[in-house]
C-alpha atoms as a PDB file:
ATOM      1  CA  MET A   1      45.272 -95.678   3.766  1.00  0.00           C
ATOM      2  CA  THR A   2      47.149 -92.511   5.476  1.00  0.00           C
ATOM      3  CA  PRO A   3      50.168 -91.487   2.933  1.00  0.00           C
ATOM      4  CA  LEU A   4      53.066 -92.053   5.657  1.00  0.00           C
ATOM      5  CA  SER A   5      55.379 -88.694   4.589  1.00  0.00           C
ATOM      6  CA  SER A   6      57.557 -88.999   1.358  1.00  0.00           C
ATOM      7  CA  TYR A   7      57.294 -92.808   0.862  1.00  0.00           C
ATOM      8  CA  ILE A   8      60.670 -94.534  -1.321  1.00  0.00           C
ATOM      9  CA  GLY A   9      60.547 -98.845  -0.492  1.00  0.00           C
ATOM     10  CA  ARG A  10      63.176-100.546  -2.463  1.00  0.00           C
ATOM     11  CA  PHE A  11      62.957-104.325  -3.780  1.00  0.00           C
ATOM     12  CA  ALA A  12      67.201-105.151  -4.162  1.00  0.00           C
ATOM     13  CA  PRO A  13      67.959-108.782  -5.620  1.00  0.00           C
ATOM     14  CA  SER A  14      71.278-109.790  -5.894  1.00  0.00           C
ATOM     15  CA  PRO A  15      72.202-111.254  -9.254  1.00  0.00           C
ATOM     16  CA  SER A  16      72.978-115.071  -8.160  1.00  0.00           C
ATOM     17  CA  GLY A  17      70.280-116.553 -10.329  1.00  0.00           C
ATOM     18  CA  PRO A  18      66.614-115.584 -12.052  1.00  0.00           C
ATOM     19  CA  LEU A  19      63.408-114.648  -9.409  1.00  0.00           C
ATOM     20  CA  HIS A  20      61.847-117.637  -7.778  1.00  0.00           C
ATOM     21  CA  PHE A  21      58.476-117.827  -6.012  1.00  0.00           C
ATOM     22  CA  GLY A  22      60.093-116.491  -2.510  1.00  0.00           C
ATOM     23  CA  SER A  23      61.624-113.316  -4.175  1.00  0.00           C
ATOM     24  CA  LEU A  24      58.763-112.256  -6.028  1.00  0.00           C
ATOM     25  CA  VAL A  25      57.231-112.390  -2.510  1.00  0.00           C
ATOM     26  CA  ALA A  26      59.426-110.331  -1.201  1.00  0.00           C
ATOM     27  CA  ALA A  27      59.714-108.190  -3.979  1.00  0.00           C
ATOM     28  CA  LEU A  28      54.928-107.826  -4.344  1.00  0.00           C
ATOM     29  CA  GLY A  29      54.861-107.355  -1.667  1.00  0.00           C
ATOM     30  CA  SER A  30      57.598-104.138  -1.107  1.00  0.00           C
ATOM     31  CA  TYR A  31      55.632-102.766  -3.649  1.00  0.00           C
ATOM     32  CA  LEU A  32      52.763-102.848  -2.746  1.00  0.00           C
ATOM     33  CA  ASP A  33      53.418-101.142   0.233  1.00  0.00           C
ATOM     34  CA  ALA A  34      55.516 -98.393  -1.373  1.00  0.00           C
ATOM     35  CA  ARG A  35      52.460 -97.874  -3.643  1.00  0.00           C
ATOM     36  CA  ALA A  36      49.548 -97.694  -0.712  1.00  0.00           C
ATOM     37  CA  HIS A  37      50.713 -95.182   0.243  1.00  0.00           C
ATOM     38  CA  HIS A  38      51.021 -93.365  -2.775  1.00  0.00           C
ATOM     39  CA  GLY A  39      55.481 -93.576  -2.696  1.00  0.00           C
ATOM     40  CA  GLN A  40      57.949 -94.546  -4.992  1.00  0.00           C
ATOM     41  CA  TRP A  41      59.311 -98.115  -5.729  1.00  0.00           C
ATOM     42  CA  LEU A  42      62.955 -98.536  -6.727  1.00  0.00           C
ATOM     43  CA  VAL A  43      64.955-101.092  -7.739  1.00  0.00           C
ATOM     44  CA  ARG A  44      68.881-101.885  -7.155  1.00  0.00           C
ATOM     45  CA  ILE A  45      71.011-104.737  -8.545  1.00  0.00           C
ATOM     46  CA  GLU A  46      73.019-105.364  -4.876  1.00  0.00           C
ATOM     47  CA  ASP A  47      76.756-106.636  -7.776  1.00  0.00           C
ATOM     48  CA  ILE A  48      79.795-106.477  -5.131  1.00  0.00           C
ATOM     49  CA  ASP A  49      80.280-110.076  -4.627  1.00  0.00           C
ATOM     50  CA  PRO A  50      80.922-111.695  -8.380  1.00  0.00           C
ATOM     51  CA  PRO A  51      81.643-114.923  -7.363  1.00  0.00           C
ATOM     52  CA  ARG A  52      78.461-115.677  -6.703  1.00  0.00           C
ATOM     53  CA  GLU A  53      76.410-114.276  -9.910  1.00  0.00           C
ATOM     54  CA  LYS A  54      75.447-115.157 -12.956  1.00  0.00           C
ATOM     55  CA  PRO A  55      75.939-114.151 -16.055  1.00  0.00           C
ATOM     56  CA  GLY A  56      72.558-112.148 -17.098  1.00  0.00           C
ATOM     57  CA  ALA A  57      71.003-112.384 -14.246  1.00  0.00           C
ATOM     58  CA  ALA A  58      70.429-108.831 -13.812  1.00  0.00           C
ATOM     59  CA  SER A  59      69.002-108.436 -17.173  1.00  0.00           C
ATOM     60  CA  ASP A  60      66.561-111.374 -16.000  1.00  0.00           C
ATOM     61  CA  ILE A  61      66.136-110.283 -12.985  1.00  0.00           C
ATOM     62  CA  LEU A  62      63.934-106.757 -15.247  1.00  0.00           C
ATOM     63  CA  ARG A  63      62.419-109.058 -17.549  1.00  0.00           C
ATOM     64  CA  THR A  64      60.726-110.983 -14.830  1.00  0.00           C
ATOM     65  CA  LEU A  65      60.194-108.035 -12.762  1.00  0.00           C
ATOM     66  CA  GLU A  66      58.165-106.659 -15.962  1.00  0.00           C
ATOM     67  CA  ALA A  67      56.051-109.456 -16.963  1.00  0.00           C
ATOM     68  CA  TYR A  68      54.811-109.271 -13.586  1.00  0.00           C
ATOM     69  CA  GLY A  69      53.992-105.876 -14.229  1.00  0.00           C
ATOM     70  CA  LEU A  70      56.448-104.576 -10.679  1.00  0.00           C
ATOM     71  CA  HIS A  71      57.610-101.229 -12.630  1.00  0.00           C
ATOM     72  CA  TRP A  72      59.726 -99.078 -10.868  1.00  0.00           C
ATOM     73  CA  ASP A  73      60.673 -95.623 -11.020  1.00  0.00           C
ATOM     74  CA  GLY A  74      63.529 -93.920 -11.697  1.00  0.00           C
ATOM     75  CA  ASP A  75      66.979 -95.511 -13.337  1.00  0.00           C
ATOM     76  CA  VAL A  76      67.972 -98.699 -11.893  1.00  0.00           C
ATOM     77  CA  ARG A  77      71.190 -98.247  -9.523  1.00  0.00           C
ATOM     78  CA  TYR A  78      73.548-100.825  -9.695  1.00  0.00           C
ATOM     79  CA  GLN A  79      76.098-101.121  -6.605  1.00  0.00           C
ATOM     80  CA  SER A  80      78.818-101.998  -8.678  1.00  0.00           C
ATOM     81  CA  GLN A  81      78.996 -98.586  -9.554  1.00  0.00           C
ATOM     82  CA  HIS A  82      79.305 -97.833  -6.560  1.00  0.00           C
ATOM     83  CA  LEU A  83      82.454 -98.400  -5.295  1.00  0.00           C
ATOM     84  CA  GLY A  84      84.286 -95.873  -4.353  1.00  0.00           C
ATOM     85  CA  ASP A  85      81.401 -94.948  -2.256  1.00  0.00           C
ATOM     86  CA  TYR A  86      82.112 -97.169   0.271  1.00  0.00           C
ATOM     87  CA  GLN A  87      85.792 -97.036  -0.096  1.00  0.00           C
ATOM     88  CA  ALA A  88      85.497 -93.493   0.341  1.00  0.00           C
ATOM     89  CA  GLN A  89      83.546 -94.353   3.531  1.00  0.00           C
ATOM     90  CA  ILE A  90      86.071 -96.980   4.836  1.00  0.00           C
ATOM     91  CA  ASP A  91      89.021 -94.803   4.497  1.00  0.00           C
ATOM     92  CA  ALA A  92      87.536 -92.429   6.383  1.00  0.00           C
ATOM     93  CA  TRP A  93      86.698 -94.719   9.937  1.00  0.00           C
ATOM     94  CA  LEU A  94      90.269 -95.991   8.960  1.00  0.00           C
ATOM     95  CA  ALA A  95      91.609 -92.481   9.342  1.00  0.00           C
ATOM     96  CA  SER A  96      89.574 -91.633  12.660  1.00  0.00           C
ATOM     97  CA  GLY A  97      90.252 -95.261  14.570  1.00  0.00           C
ATOM     98  CA  GLN A  98      86.597 -96.305  14.531  1.00  0.00           C
ATOM     99  CA  ALA A  99      87.352 -99.231  11.643  1.00  0.00           C
ATOM    100  CA  TYR A 100      90.932-101.351  11.594  1.00  0.00           C
ATOM    101  CA  TYR A 101      92.673-104.486   9.995  1.00  0.00           C
ATOM    102  CA  CYS A 102      91.992-107.785  10.825  1.00  0.00           C
ATOM    103  CA  THR A 103      93.673-110.806   9.676  1.00  0.00           C
ATOM    104  CA  CYS A 104      91.209-113.441  11.986  1.00  0.00           C
ATOM    105  CA  THR A 105      89.928-116.083  10.107  1.00  0.00           C
ATOM    106  CA  ARG A 106      86.674-117.826  10.181  1.00  0.00           C
ATOM    107  CA  ARG A 107      88.668-120.663  11.904  1.00  0.00           C
ATOM    108  CA  GLN A 108      89.803-118.553  14.309  1.00  0.00           C
ATOM    109  CA  ILE A 109      87.049-117.104  15.536  1.00  0.00           C
ATOM    110  CA  LYS A 110      85.189-120.311  15.436  1.00  0.00           C
ATOM    111  CA  ALA A 111      87.469-121.635  17.425  1.00  0.00           C
ATOM    112  CA  SER A 112      87.122-118.786  20.152  1.00  0.00           C
ATOM    113  CA  GLY A 113      83.174-119.503  20.355  1.00  0.00           C
ATOM    114  CA  GLY A 114      81.966-118.312  17.130  1.00  0.00           C
ATOM    115  CA  VAL A 115      82.253-114.682  18.074  1.00  0.00           C
ATOM    116  CA  TYR A 116      84.572-112.247  16.828  1.00  0.00           C
ATOM    117  CA  LEU A 117      86.541-111.556  20.202  1.00  0.00           C
ATOM    118  CA  GLY A 118      87.850-107.812  19.078  1.00  0.00           C
ATOM    119  CA  THR A 119      91.376-109.240  18.907  1.00  0.00           C
ATOM    120  CA  CYS A 120      93.261-107.466  16.244  1.00  0.00           C
ATOM    121  CA  ARG A 121      91.389-103.849  17.175  1.00  0.00           C
ATOM    122  CA  ASP A 122      94.826-102.694  18.687  1.00  0.00           C
ATOM    123  CA  LYS A 123      97.553-104.310  17.081  1.00  0.00           C
ATOM    124  CA  GLY A 124      97.389-101.909  14.331  1.00  0.00           C
ATOM    125  CA  LEU A 125      97.937-104.020  11.347  1.00  0.00           C
ATOM    126  CA  GLY A 126      97.926-103.421   7.483  1.00  0.00           C
ATOM    127  CA  ALA A 127      96.295-104.088   4.775  1.00  0.00           C
ATOM    128  CA  THR A 128      97.772-106.860   3.958  1.00  0.00           C
ATOM    129  CA  HIS A 129      95.549-109.723   3.457  1.00  0.00           C
ATOM    130  CA  ALA A 130      93.268-108.549   5.975  1.00  0.00           C
ATOM    131  CA  ALA A 131      89.680-107.627   6.483  1.00  0.00           C
ATOM    132  CA  VAL A 132      88.217-104.131   7.756  1.00  0.00           C
ATOM    133  CA  ARG A 133      86.610-104.218  11.009  1.00  0.00           C
ATOM    134  CA  LEU A 134      84.070-101.455  11.976  1.00  0.00           C
ATOM    135  CA  LYS A 135      84.560-100.888  15.801  1.00  0.00           C
ATOM    136  CA  SER A 136      81.138-101.989  17.444  1.00  0.00           C
ATOM    137  CA  PRO A 137      79.257 -98.709  16.948  1.00  0.00           C
ATOM    138  CA  VAL A 138      76.123 -98.702  18.868  1.00  0.00           C
ATOM    139  CA  GLU A 139      74.122-101.348  20.964  1.00  0.00           C
ATOM    140  CA  VAL A 140      71.220-102.135  19.569  1.00  0.00           C
ATOM    141  CA  LEU A 141      69.240-104.546  20.439  1.00  0.00           C
ATOM    142  CA  ALA A 142      66.024-104.345  19.847  1.00  0.00           C
ATOM    143  CA  PHE A 143      64.429-102.368  17.151  1.00  0.00           C
ATOM    144  CA  ASN A 144      60.182-102.057  15.725  1.00  0.00           C
ATOM    145  CA  ASP A 145      59.082-103.276  12.810  1.00  0.00           C
ATOM    146  CA  ARG A 146      55.915-102.481  11.407  1.00  0.00           C
ATOM    147  CA  LEU A 147      54.676-106.640  11.220  1.00  0.00           C
ATOM    148  CA  HIS A 148      55.870-108.104  14.285  1.00  0.00           C
ATOM    149  CA  GLY A 149      56.413-104.896  16.828  1.00  0.00           C
ATOM    150  CA  THR A 150      59.674-105.226  18.940  1.00  0.00           C
ATOM    151  CA  LEU A 151      62.451-107.321  17.818  1.00  0.00           C
ATOM    152  CA  HIS A 152      65.160-108.494  20.247  1.00  0.00           C
ATOM    153  CA  LEU A 153      68.319-109.299  18.654  1.00  0.00           C
ATOM    154  CA  ASP A 154      71.013-111.773  20.184  1.00  0.00           C
ATOM    155  CA  ALA A 155      73.666-109.620  22.696  1.00  0.00           C
ATOM    156  CA  THR A 156      76.086-110.936  21.314  1.00  0.00           C
ATOM    157  CA  LEU A 157      76.498-109.793  18.237  1.00  0.00           C
ATOM    158  CA  ALA A 158      75.342-106.369  18.773  1.00  0.00           C
ATOM    159  CA  ASN A 159      78.634-105.770  20.906  1.00  0.00           C
ATOM    160  CA  GLU A 160      81.066-107.545  17.644  1.00  0.00           C
ATOM    161  CA  ASP A 161      83.105-105.280  15.410  1.00  0.00           C
ATOM    162  CA  PHE A 162      81.817-106.035  12.354  1.00  0.00           C
ATOM    163  CA  ILE A 163      84.028-106.806   8.906  1.00  0.00           C
ATOM    164  CA  ILE A 164      82.978-103.891   6.279  1.00  0.00           C
ATOM    165  CA  LYS A 165      85.447-105.039   4.022  1.00  0.00           C
ATOM    166  CA  ARG A 166      86.467-108.921   3.675  1.00  0.00           C
ATOM    167  CA  ARG A 167      89.588-109.979   2.891  1.00  0.00           C
ATOM    168  CA  ASP A 168      89.335-110.650  -0.880  1.00  0.00           C
ATOM    169  CA  GLY A 169      88.941-107.499  -1.471  1.00  0.00           C
ATOM    170  CA  LEU A 170      84.850-106.917  -1.981  1.00  0.00           C
ATOM    171  CA  TYR A 171      82.833-105.013  -0.411  1.00  0.00           C
ATOM    172  CA  ALA A 172      80.488-106.163   3.284  1.00  0.00           C
ATOM    173  CA  TYR A 173      76.680-106.383   2.583  1.00  0.00           C
ATOM    174  CA  ASN A 174      75.889-104.753   5.768  1.00  0.00           C
ATOM    175  CA  LEU A 175      78.427-101.731   5.207  1.00  0.00           C
ATOM    176  CA  ALA A 176      77.069-101.101   0.798  1.00  0.00           C
ATOM    177  CA  VAL A 177      73.402-101.887   1.508  1.00  0.00           C
ATOM    178  CA  VAL A 178      72.992 -98.956   4.359  1.00  0.00           C
ATOM    179  CA  LEU A 179      75.313 -96.950   1.950  1.00  0.00           C
ATOM    180  CA  ASP A 180      73.048 -97.035  -0.671  1.00  0.00           C
ATOM    181  CA  ASP A 181      69.557 -97.150   1.249  1.00  0.00           C
ATOM    182  CA  LEU A 182      70.887 -93.589   2.359  1.00  0.00           C
ATOM    183  CA  ASP A 183      72.161 -92.112  -0.771  1.00  0.00           C
ATOM    184  CA  GLN A 184      68.517 -92.821  -2.412  1.00  0.00           C
ATOM    185  CA  GLY A 185      66.535 -91.828   0.120  1.00  0.00           C
ATOM    186  CA  ILE A 186      65.522 -95.328   1.411  1.00  0.00           C
ATOM    187  CA  THR A 187      62.585 -94.278   3.943  1.00  0.00           C
ATOM    188  CA  ASP A 188      61.014 -98.166   4.040  1.00  0.00           C
ATOM    189  CA  ILE A 189      61.998-101.742   4.191  1.00  0.00           C
ATOM    190  CA  VAL A 190      60.182-103.933   2.888  1.00  0.00           C
ATOM    191  CA  ARG A 191      61.952-107.451   3.086  1.00  0.00           C
ATOM    192  CA  GLY A 192      62.051-111.254   4.129  1.00  0.00           C
ATOM    193  CA  ALA A 193      62.205-112.812   7.907  1.00  0.00           C
ATOM    194  CA  ASP A 194      65.594-113.644   7.389  1.00  0.00           C
ATOM    195  CA  LEU A 195      67.187-111.130   7.467  1.00  0.00           C
ATOM    196  CA  ILE A 196      65.998-109.799  10.988  1.00  0.00           C
ATOM    197  CA  MET A 197      69.161-110.080  12.604  1.00  0.00           C
ATOM    198  CA  PRO A 198      70.986-107.835  10.149  1.00  0.00           C
ATOM    199  CA  THR A 199      69.229-105.376  10.991  1.00  0.00           C
ATOM    200  CA  GLY A 200      70.678-104.775  15.025  1.00  0.00           C
ATOM    201  CA  ARG A 201      73.884-104.103  12.310  1.00  0.00           C
ATOM    202  CA  HIS A 202      71.968-101.581  10.070  1.00  0.00           C
ATOM    203  CA  ILE A 203      70.615 -99.813  12.663  1.00  0.00           C
ATOM    204  CA  ALA A 204      73.964 -99.555  14.141  1.00  0.00           C
ATOM    205  CA  LEU A 205      75.420 -98.537  11.250  1.00  0.00           C
ATOM    206  CA  TYR A 206      73.537 -95.934  11.014  1.00  0.00           C
ATOM    207  CA  ALA A 207      73.453 -94.293  14.348  1.00  0.00           C
ATOM    208  CA  GLN A 208      77.272 -93.977  13.539  1.00  0.00           C
ATOM    209  CA  LEU A 209      76.562 -92.404  10.347  1.00  0.00           C
ATOM    210  CA  GLY A 210      74.418 -89.655  12.029  1.00  0.00           C
ATOM    211  CA  GLU A 211      71.312 -90.083  10.798  1.00  0.00           C
ATOM    212  CA  PRO A 212      67.865 -91.809  11.529  1.00  0.00           C
ATOM    213  CA  ALA A 213      67.234 -95.606  10.349  1.00  0.00           C
ATOM    214  CA  PRO A 214      63.803 -96.696   7.773  1.00  0.00           C
ATOM    215  CA  ARG A 215      61.649 -98.023   9.227  1.00  0.00           C
ATOM    216  CA  TYR A 216      60.899-102.006   8.830  1.00  0.00           C
ATOM    217  CA  LEU A 217      58.785-104.736   7.933  1.00  0.00           C
ATOM    218  CA  HIS A 218      59.910-107.895   7.326  1.00  0.00           C
ATOM    219  CA  LEU A 219      57.554-110.103   5.190  1.00  0.00           C
ATOM    220  CA  PRO A 220      57.564-114.258   5.944  1.00  0.00           C
ATOM    221  CA  LEU A 221      59.084-116.283   4.738  1.00  0.00           C
ATOM    222  CA  ALA A 222      58.119-119.041   1.772  1.00  0.00           C
ATOM    223  CA  LEU A 223      59.645-122.345   2.781  1.00  0.00           C
ATOM    224  CA  ASN A 224      60.548-125.676   0.337  1.00  0.00           C
ATOM    225  CA  VAL A 225      59.435-129.305   1.936  1.00  0.00           C
ATOM    226  CA  GLY A 226      61.967-129.798   3.882  1.00  0.00           C
ATOM    227  CA  GLY A 227      61.666-126.706   5.683  1.00  0.00           C
ATOM    228  CA  GLN A 228      63.851-124.528   4.021  1.00  0.00           C
ATOM    229  CA  LYS A 229      63.870-120.856   3.030  1.00  0.00           C
ATOM    230  CA  LEU A 230      63.303-120.903  -1.014  1.00  0.00           C
ATOM    231  CA  SER A 231      66.264-119.376  -2.429  1.00  0.00           C
ATOM    232  CA  LYS A 232      68.640-119.896  -5.264  1.00  0.00           C
ATOM    233  CA  GLN A 233      71.652-121.498  -3.476  1.00  0.00           C
ATOM    234  CA  ASN A 234      68.694-124.086  -2.580  1.00  0.00           C
ATOM    235  CA  ARG A 235      67.830-124.333  -6.343  1.00  0.00           C
ATOM    236  CA  ALA A 236      64.346-122.505  -5.923  1.00  0.00           C
ATOM    237  CA  PRO A 237      63.312-122.684  -9.764  1.00  0.00           C
ATOM    238  CA  ALA A 238      62.802-119.596 -11.632  1.00  0.00           C
ATOM    239  CA  ILE A 239      59.245-118.227 -12.106  1.00  0.00           C
ATOM    240  CA  ASN A 240      57.460-118.115 -15.700  1.00  0.00           C
ATOM    241  CA  ASN A 241      57.386-114.751 -17.188  1.00  0.00           C
ATOM    242  CA  GLN A 242      55.304-116.515 -19.908  1.00  0.00           C
ATOM    243  CA  ALA A 243      52.243-116.764 -17.778  1.00  0.00           C
ATOM    244  CA  PRO A 244      52.601-115.009 -14.658  1.00  0.00           C
ATOM    245  CA  LEU A 245      49.749-114.705 -13.274  1.00  0.00           C
ATOM    246  CA  PRO A 246      49.386-118.145 -11.268  1.00  0.00           C
ATOM    247  CA  ALA A 247      52.599-116.921  -9.478  1.00  0.00           C
ATOM    248  CA  LEU A 248      51.537-113.597  -9.009  1.00  0.00           C
ATOM    249  CA  ARG A 249      47.995-115.305  -7.551  1.00  0.00           C
ATOM    250  CA  ALA A 250      50.248-118.128  -5.310  1.00  0.00           C
ATOM    251  CA  ALA A 251      52.501-114.769  -3.968  1.00  0.00           C
ATOM    252  CA  MET A 252      49.075-112.549  -3.127  1.00  0.00           C
ATOM    253  CA  THR A 253      47.738-115.439  -1.333  1.00  0.00           C
ATOM    254  CA  PHE A 254      50.671-116.167   0.873  1.00  0.00           C
ATOM    255  CA  LEU A 255      50.887-112.395   1.507  1.00  0.00           C
ATOM    256  CA  GLY A 256      47.114-112.539   3.141  1.00  0.00           C
ATOM    257  CA  LEU A 257      45.191-111.427  -0.214  1.00  0.00           C
ATOM    258  CA  GLN A 258      43.571-114.175  -1.012  1.00  0.00           C
ATOM    259  CA  SER A 259      39.838-112.792  -1.509  1.00  0.00           C
ATOM    260  CA  VAL A 260      42.215-110.540  -4.614  1.00  0.00           C
ATOM    261  CA  ALA A 261      44.063-113.442  -5.185  1.00  0.00           C
ATOM    262  CA  SER A 262      40.630-114.681  -6.787  1.00  0.00           C
ATOM    263  CA  GLU A 263      39.479-112.156  -8.601  1.00  0.00           C
ATOM    264  CA  GLU A 264      38.814-112.758 -12.270  1.00  0.00           C
ATOM    265  CA  VAL A 265      40.578-110.556 -14.128  1.00  0.00           C
ATOM    266  CA  ALA A 266      42.744-111.114 -17.098  1.00  0.00           C
ATOM    267  CA  THR A 267      45.850-108.730 -16.595  1.00  0.00           C
ATOM    268  CA  THR A 268      49.219-108.552 -14.109  1.00  0.00           C
ATOM    269  CA  THR A 269      47.798-104.621 -13.875  1.00  0.00           C
ATOM    270  CA  GLU A 270      44.068-104.735 -12.803  1.00  0.00           C
ATOM    271  CA  LEU A 271      45.346-107.159 -10.538  1.00  0.00           C
ATOM    272  CA  LEU A 272      48.050-105.326  -9.223  1.00  0.00           C
ATOM    273  CA  ASN A 273      45.358-102.198  -9.077  1.00  0.00           C
ATOM    274  CA  LEU A 274      42.626-104.000  -6.436  1.00  0.00           C
ATOM    275  CA  ALA A 275      45.696-105.126  -4.349  1.00  0.00           C
ATOM    276  CA  VAL A 276      46.782-101.615  -4.143  1.00  0.00           C
ATOM    277  CA  ASN A 277      44.193-100.756  -2.731  1.00  0.00           C
ATOM    278  CA  THR A 278      43.538-103.840  -0.040  1.00  0.00           C
ATOM    279  CA  TRP A 279      47.018-103.467   0.916  1.00  0.00           C
ATOM    280  CA  SER A 280      46.799-103.983   4.884  1.00  0.00           C
ATOM    281  CA  LEU A 281      49.181-104.984   7.538  1.00  0.00           C
ATOM    282  CA  MET A 282      45.953-106.568   9.260  1.00  0.00           C
ATOM    283  CA  HIS A 283      46.148-109.374   5.994  1.00  0.00           C
ATOM    284  CA  LEU A 284      49.890-110.086   6.919  1.00  0.00           C
ATOM    285  CA  PRO A 285      50.711-113.817   7.841  1.00  0.00           C
ATOM    286  CA  ARG A 286      53.761-113.525  10.597  1.00  0.00           C
ATOM    287  CA  GLN A 287      54.460-117.615  10.515  1.00  0.00           C
ATOM    288  CA  THR A 288      56.667-119.365   7.758  1.00  0.00           C
ATOM    289  CA  GLU A 289      55.222-121.076   5.137  1.00  0.00           C
ATOM    290  CA  VAL A 290      55.481-124.271   3.406  1.00  0.00           C
ATOM    291  CA  ILE A 291      55.373-123.787  -1.096  1.00  0.00           C
ATOM    292  CA  THR A 292      54.832-126.647  -2.668  1.00  0.00           C
ATOM    293  CA  GLY A 293      53.531-125.220  -6.123  1.00  0.00           C
ATOM    294  CA  PHE A 294      50.963-123.020  -7.759  1.00  0.00           C
END
């Protein structure tokens, strides 16, 4: 495989619970893509939403990655240690008039059709009980995905002024993830297909900041028997740290690496080395798949 120039990838879980099979697929896909391109693979803990976080989850996630042989480069980054960076950017946009305070509630937005219509744009509101919205910077109607090709996005959402700081004082995912990826020099983002729609806003933020967007690859999602995405919210079971090989083989099979998953090896390191050497987008499925166990 031809190396991409200065490849830096990442896996960025939120500490809202232990890793499940769906998050293993995302971690494995991003790891294999980085290693196959002789690049760096970073880990970032996205801990900026305390009400959703579970005590000890961040440490448990890191132990799980180590148990599965998914060893990262450099130090783990914690978003909670960079809140000042997010606020500094928001302050700059507020001062320049590119951002503004908004007191509209979800109920009000739902009543107006479900899309924010810029109601508070010119009201000059203060910070009390208000969110901060960014004036829609660039209309992103489509982007190129390394697996899917051109992906088209919702035109209405592409023109919406979106929240960069919530009214409860917490920083929005869309802002934090882009500022972190820029600060860490991320060139390639490999993640689940559930994040395709927010990608338009991320690309718009890069344009607003005068920076090129990274390359994107959205992996197919693992679903439960009810057709729901495996997630912590849907109570997906944690993967087994004590016996990692079965889940690792299942994740490789899910990603189209059946020939590697069937190899008779004794360690995760051996299995991962084979997978890195075999990794190719030609193997990747494009559709979601129901997972019933492994």
